Amino acid sequence: MNEKWLKGDDEDSWYYMLENGDLYSWESETRDGMFNGEDRFIENLGEEFYHNPGLLSELELIRENTN
């Protein structure tokens, strides 16, 4: 898997994005060296965000200004 990892605002938040643009919150825990696979799907942002993660900061600004 060629996911890209992103650090959240606090120390313990991590996110990853798949090549198709699916963004997940990493919430898995390891048990006996295996992940439990309970990550939370957030949304599909599109492949352009995978190839250019810098677009995430622009998306955040747009969302802040439209809410």
C-alpha atoms as a PDB file:
ATOM      1  CA  MET A   1       0.000   0.000   0.000  1.00  0.00           C
ATOM      2  CA  ASN A   2       1.346   3.459  -0.895  1.00  0.00           C
ATOM      3  CA  GLU A   3      -0.520   5.520   1.655  1.00  0.00           C
ATOM      4  CA  LYS A   4       0.680   8.979   2.660  1.00  0.00           C
ATOM      5  CA  TRP A   5       0.674   9.778   6.384  1.00  0.00           C
ATOM      6  CA  LEU A   6      -0.391  13.144   7.783  1.00  0.00           C
ATOM      7  CA  LYS A   7       0.110  14.429  11.323  1.00  0.00           C
ATOM      8  CA  GLY A   8      -2.944  15.882  13.057  1.00  0.00           C
ATOM      9  CA  ASP A   9      -3.137  18.979  15.241  1.00  0.00           C
ATOM     10  CA  ASP A  10      -2.411  17.136  18.476  1.00  0.00           C
ATOM     11  CA  GLU A  11       0.379  14.721  19.331  1.00  0.00           C
ATOM     12  CA  ASP A  12      -1.689  11.582  18.959  1.00  0.00           C
ATOM     13  CA  SER A  13      -3.698  12.240  15.764  1.00  0.00           C
ATOM     14  CA  TRP A  14      -2.604  10.612  12.555  1.00  0.00           C
ATOM     15  CA  TYR A  15      -4.319  10.367   9.208  1.00  0.00           C
ATOM     16  CA  TYR A  16      -3.485   8.571   6.014  1.00  0.00           C
ATOM     17  CA  MET A  17      -4.571   8.949   2.432  1.00  0.00           C
ATOM     18  CA  LEU A  18      -4.776   6.213  -0.162  1.00  0.00           C
ATOM     19  CA  GLU A  19      -3.864   6.725  -3.814  1.00  0.00           C
ATOM     20  CA  ASN A  20      -7.538   7.113  -4.761  1.00  0.00           C
ATOM     21  CA  GLY A  21      -7.875  10.075  -2.350  1.00  0.00           C
ATOM     22  CA  ASP A  22      -9.656   8.233   0.486  1.00  0.00           C
ATOM     23  CA  LEU A  23      -8.736   9.934   3.760  1.00  0.00           C
ATOM     24  CA  TYR A  24      -8.794   7.927   7.008  1.00  0.00           C
ATOM     25  CA  SER A  25      -8.237   8.707  10.653  1.00  0.00           C
ATOM     26  CA  TRP A  26      -5.806   6.146  12.046  1.00  0.00           C
ATOM     27  CA  GLU A  27      -7.513   4.669  15.084  1.00  0.00           C
ATOM     28  CA  SER A  28      -6.140   1.135  15.003  1.00  0.00           C
ATOM     29  CA  GLU A  29      -4.406  -0.447  17.919  1.00  0.00           C
ATOM     30  CA  THR A  30      -1.976  -3.295  17.749  1.00  0.00           C
ATOM     31  CA  ARG A  31      -2.666  -6.589  19.426  1.00  0.00           C
ATOM     32  CA  ASP A  32       0.036  -9.216  19.203  1.00  0.00           C
ATOM     33  CA  GLY A  33       1.685  -7.211  16.432  1.00  0.00           C
ATOM     34  CA  MET A  34      -1.475  -7.045  14.307  1.00  0.00           C
ATOM     35  CA  PHE A  35      -3.632  -3.973  13.612  1.00  0.00           C
ATOM     36  CA  ASN A  36      -7.301  -4.259  14.556  1.00  0.00           C
ATOM     37  CA  GLY A  37      -8.327  -2.349  11.405  1.00  0.00           C
ATOM     38  CA  GLU A  38     -10.804   0.020  13.042  1.00  0.00           C
ATOM     39  CA  ASP A  39      -9.706   3.177  11.220  1.00  0.00           C
ATOM     40  CA  ARG A  40     -12.377   5.762  10.424  1.00  0.00           C
ATOM     41  CA  PHE A  41     -13.090   6.780   6.824  1.00  0.00           C
ATOM     42  CA  ILE A  42     -13.418  10.567   6.598  1.00  0.00           C
ATOM     43  CA  GLU A  43     -14.039  11.285   2.917  1.00  0.00           C
ATOM     44  CA  ASN A  44     -12.714  10.897  -0.598  1.00  0.00           C
ATOM     45  CA  LEU A  45     -10.836  14.031  -1.608  1.00  0.00           C
ATOM     46  CA  GLY A  46      -9.739  12.793  -5.026  1.00  0.00           C
ATOM     47  CA  GLU A  47      -6.425  11.667  -6.431  1.00  0.00           C
ATOM     48  CA  GLU A  48      -5.149  15.241  -6.823  1.00  0.00           C
ATOM     49  CA  PHE A  49      -4.887  15.527  -3.020  1.00  0.00           C
ATOM     50  CA  TYR A  50      -2.843  12.314  -2.854  1.00  0.00           C
ATOM     51  CA  HIS A  51      -0.410  13.625  -5.451  1.00  0.00           C
ATOM     52  CA  ASN A  52      -0.288  17.117  -3.891  1.00  0.00           C
ATOM     53  CA  PRO A  53      -1.037  16.942  -0.123  1.00  0.00           C
ATOM     54  CA  GLY A  54      -0.372  20.695   0.112  1.00  0.00           C
ATOM     55  CA  LEU A  55      -3.892  21.154  -1.256  1.00  0.00           C
ATOM     56  CA  LEU A  56      -5.188  20.051   2.168  1.00  0.00           C
ATOM     57  CA  SER A  57      -4.242  23.395   3.728  1.00  0.00           C
ATOM     58  CA  GLU A  58      -6.122  25.221   0.955  1.00  0.00           C
ATOM     59  CA  LEU A  59      -9.154  22.985   1.513  1.00  0.00           C
ATOM     60  CA  GLU A  60      -9.090  23.777   5.241  1.00  0.00           C
ATOM     61  CA  LEU A  61      -9.051  27.517   4.553  1.00  0.00           C
ATOM     62  CA  ILE A  62     -11.976  27.218   2.135  1.00  0.00           C
ATOM     63  CA  ARG A  63     -14.010  25.233   4.657  1.00  0.00           C
ATOM     64  CA  GLU A  64     -13.287  27.719   7.443  1.00  0.00           C
ATOM     65  CA  ASN A  65     -14.424  30.620   5.267  1.00  0.00           C
ATOM     66  CA  THR A  66     -17.637  28.937   4.126  1.00  0.00           C
ATOM     67  CA  ASN A  67     -18.889  27.797   7.555  1.00  0.00           C
END
